[in-house]
Amino acid sequence: MGFVGTLLGLVVTLFIIVLIGRMVLDWAGAVVDSPPWVRRARQLAHAATEPVIAPVRRVARPVRIGGISLDLAFTLVFVAAVIVRGILFSL
């Protein structure tokens, strides 16, 4: 794999790490009252990932399960990023 492929693979890997960070920070924010640095980290994670997730969310609407809503857009973007990363690093 050339330099461009490696660079793209690293960018996708960083994006996956930010997605995981967003997921953990969202869960932590739902459980307890977060300190200011956690709220700021959550804002940064959302700012980095929302441009990719928002268009998917318009197509794959959240699913209501009783009193909660399951955001399928996040899951679809995460799975797609893992697949793209696998393809990039297998070349």
C-alpha atoms as a PDB file:
ATOM      1  CA  MET A   1       0.000   0.000   0.000  1.00  0.00           C
ATOM      2  CA  GLY A   2       1.314   3.407  -0.891  1.00  0.00           C
ATOM      3  CA  PHE A   3       1.727   6.505   1.198  1.00  0.00           C
ATOM      4  CA  VAL A   4      -1.743   7.840   0.374  1.00  0.00           C
ATOM      5  CA  GLY A   5      -3.410   4.563   1.358  1.00  0.00           C
ATOM      6  CA  THR A   6      -1.526   4.459   4.643  1.00  0.00           C
ATOM      7  CA  LEU A   7      -2.432   8.078   5.359  1.00  0.00           C
ATOM      8  CA  LEU A   8      -6.115   7.409   4.603  1.00  0.00           C
ATOM      9  CA  GLY A   9      -6.018   4.325   6.822  1.00  0.00           C
ATOM     10  CA  LEU A  10      -4.604   6.367   9.692  1.00  0.00           C
ATOM     11  CA  VAL A  11      -7.239   9.082   9.209  1.00  0.00           C
ATOM     12  CA  VAL A  12     -10.010   6.462   9.322  1.00  0.00           C
ATOM     13  CA  THR A  13      -8.422   4.896  12.429  1.00  0.00           C
ATOM     14  CA  LEU A  14      -8.349   8.292  14.165  1.00  0.00           C
ATOM     15  CA  PHE A  15     -11.981   8.830  13.159  1.00  0.00           C
ATOM     16  CA  ILE A  16     -12.912   5.477  14.734  1.00  0.00           C
ATOM     17  CA  ILE A  17     -11.097   6.455  17.943  1.00  0.00           C
ATOM     18  CA  VAL A  18     -13.019   9.755  18.050  1.00  0.00           C
ATOM     19  CA  LEU A  19     -16.281   7.847  17.463  1.00  0.00           C
ATOM     20  CA  ILE A  20     -15.496   5.560  20.402  1.00  0.00           C
ATOM     21  CA  GLY A  21     -14.641   8.616  22.511  1.00  0.00           C
ATOM     22  CA  ARG A  22     -17.939  10.217  21.523  1.00  0.00           C
ATOM     23  CA  MET A  23     -19.823   7.084  22.533  1.00  0.00           C
ATOM     24  CA  VAL A  24     -18.123   6.873  25.944  1.00  0.00           C
ATOM     25  CA  LEU A  25     -18.568  10.590  26.632  1.00  0.00           C
ATOM     26  CA  ASP A  26     -22.244  10.428  25.661  1.00  0.00           C
ATOM     27  CA  TRP A  27     -22.781   7.515  28.036  1.00  0.00           C
ATOM     28  CA  ALA A  28     -20.896   9.270  30.827  1.00  0.00           C
ATOM     29  CA  GLY A  29     -22.925  12.436  30.280  1.00  0.00           C
ATOM     30  CA  ALA A  30     -26.165  10.469  30.534  1.00  0.00           C
ATOM     31  CA  VAL A  31     -25.202   8.866  33.853  1.00  0.00           C
ATOM     32  CA  VAL A  32     -23.672  11.672  35.913  1.00  0.00           C
ATOM     33  CA  ASP A  33     -23.325  15.442  35.921  1.00  0.00           C
ATOM     34  CA  SER A  34     -20.093  15.939  33.988  1.00  0.00           C
ATOM     35  CA  PRO A  35     -17.251  18.277  34.897  1.00  0.00           C
ATOM     36  CA  PRO A  36     -16.493  21.091  32.422  1.00  0.00           C
ATOM     37  CA  TRP A  37     -13.590  19.275  30.722  1.00  0.00           C
ATOM     38  CA  VAL A  38     -15.848  16.311  29.906  1.00  0.00           C
ATOM     39  CA  ARG A  39     -18.474  18.614  28.407  1.00  0.00           C
ATOM     40  CA  ARG A  40     -15.764  20.303  26.303  1.00  0.00           C
ATOM     41  CA  ALA A  41     -14.372  16.947  25.140  1.00  0.00           C
ATOM     42  CA  ARG A  42     -17.905  15.868  24.222  1.00  0.00           C
ATOM     43  CA  GLN A  43     -18.410  19.050  22.185  1.00  0.00           C
ATOM     44  CA  LEU A  44     -15.148  18.429  20.326  1.00  0.00           C
ATOM     45  CA  ALA A  45     -16.060  14.799  19.615  1.00  0.00           C
ATOM     46  CA  HIS A  46     -19.464  15.849  18.305  1.00  0.00           C
ATOM     47  CA  ALA A  47     -17.935  18.605  16.165  1.00  0.00           C
ATOM     48  CA  ALA A  48     -15.521  16.106  14.593  1.00  0.00           C
ATOM     49  CA  THR A  49     -18.056  13.350  13.906  1.00  0.00           C
ATOM     50  CA  GLU A  50     -21.391  15.068  13.318  1.00  0.00           C
ATOM     51  CA  PRO A  51     -20.583  16.150   9.710  1.00  0.00           C
ATOM     52  CA  VAL A  52     -20.398  12.443   8.824  1.00  0.00           C
ATOM     53  CA  ILE A  53     -23.207  11.177  11.058  1.00  0.00           C
ATOM     54  CA  ALA A  54     -25.822  13.876  10.278  1.00  0.00           C
ATOM     55  CA  PRO A  55     -26.360  12.931   6.597  1.00  0.00           C
ATOM     56  CA  VAL A  56     -26.667   9.256   7.566  1.00  0.00           C
ATOM     57  CA  ARG A  57     -29.138  10.201  10.313  1.00  0.00           C
ATOM     58  CA  ARG A  58     -31.387  11.872   7.735  1.00  0.00           C
ATOM     59  CA  VAL A  59     -31.644   8.528   5.893  1.00  0.00           C
ATOM     60  CA  ALA A  60     -31.552   6.093   8.827  1.00  0.00           C
ATOM     61  CA  ARG A  61     -33.884   7.629  11.391  1.00  0.00           C
ATOM     62  CA  PRO A  62     -33.508   6.719  15.079  1.00  0.00           C
ATOM     63  CA  VAL A  63     -35.568   3.700  16.136  1.00  0.00           C
ATOM     64  CA  ARG A  64     -37.907   4.088  19.115  1.00  0.00           C
ATOM     65  CA  ILE A  65     -37.775   1.206  21.600  1.00  0.00           C
ATOM     66  CA  GLY A  66     -40.204   1.945  24.381  1.00  0.00           C
ATOM     67  CA  GLY A  67     -39.024   5.099  26.103  1.00  0.00           C
ATOM     68  CA  ILE A  68     -35.594   5.235  24.451  1.00  0.00           C
ATOM     69  CA  SER A  69     -34.368   6.027  20.983  1.00  0.00           C
ATOM     70  CA  LEU A  70     -31.621   3.997  19.299  1.00  0.00           C
ATOM     71  CA  ASP A  71     -29.491   6.073  16.916  1.00  0.00           C
ATOM     72  CA  LEU A  72     -28.747   3.760  14.011  1.00  0.00           C
ATOM     73  CA  ALA A  73     -26.746   6.442  12.182  1.00  0.00           C
ATOM     74  CA  PHE A  74     -23.904   6.220  14.690  1.00  0.00           C
ATOM     75  CA  THR A  75     -23.821   2.435  14.402  1.00  0.00           C
ATOM     76  CA  LEU A  76     -23.900   2.510  10.593  1.00  0.00           C
ATOM     77  CA  VAL A  77     -21.080   5.067  10.408  1.00  0.00           C
ATOM     78  CA  PHE A  78     -18.997   3.083  12.904  1.00  0.00           C
ATOM     79  CA  VAL A  79     -19.434  -0.200  11.008  1.00  0.00           C
ATOM     80  CA  ALA A  80     -18.719   1.502   7.672  1.00  0.00           C
ATOM     81  CA  ALA A  81     -15.546   3.103   9.077  1.00  0.00           C
ATOM     82  CA  VAL A  82     -14.314  -0.255  10.392  1.00  0.00           C
ATOM     83  CA  ILE A  83     -14.978  -1.879   7.000  1.00  0.00           C
ATOM     84  CA  VAL A  84     -13.222   0.938   5.113  1.00  0.00           C
ATOM     85  CA  ARG A  85     -10.270   0.708   7.488  1.00  0.00           C
ATOM     86  CA  GLY A  86     -10.054  -3.035   6.910  1.00  0.00           C
ATOM     87  CA  ILE A  87     -10.121  -2.552   3.154  1.00  0.00           C
ATOM     88  CA  LEU A  88      -7.476   0.182   3.249  1.00  0.00           C
ATOM     89  CA  PHE A  89      -5.085  -1.861   5.383  1.00  0.00           C
ATOM     90  CA  SER A  90      -5.598  -5.053   3.380  1.00  0.00           C
ATOM     91  CA  LEU A  91      -4.374  -3.459   0.151  1.00  0.00           C
END
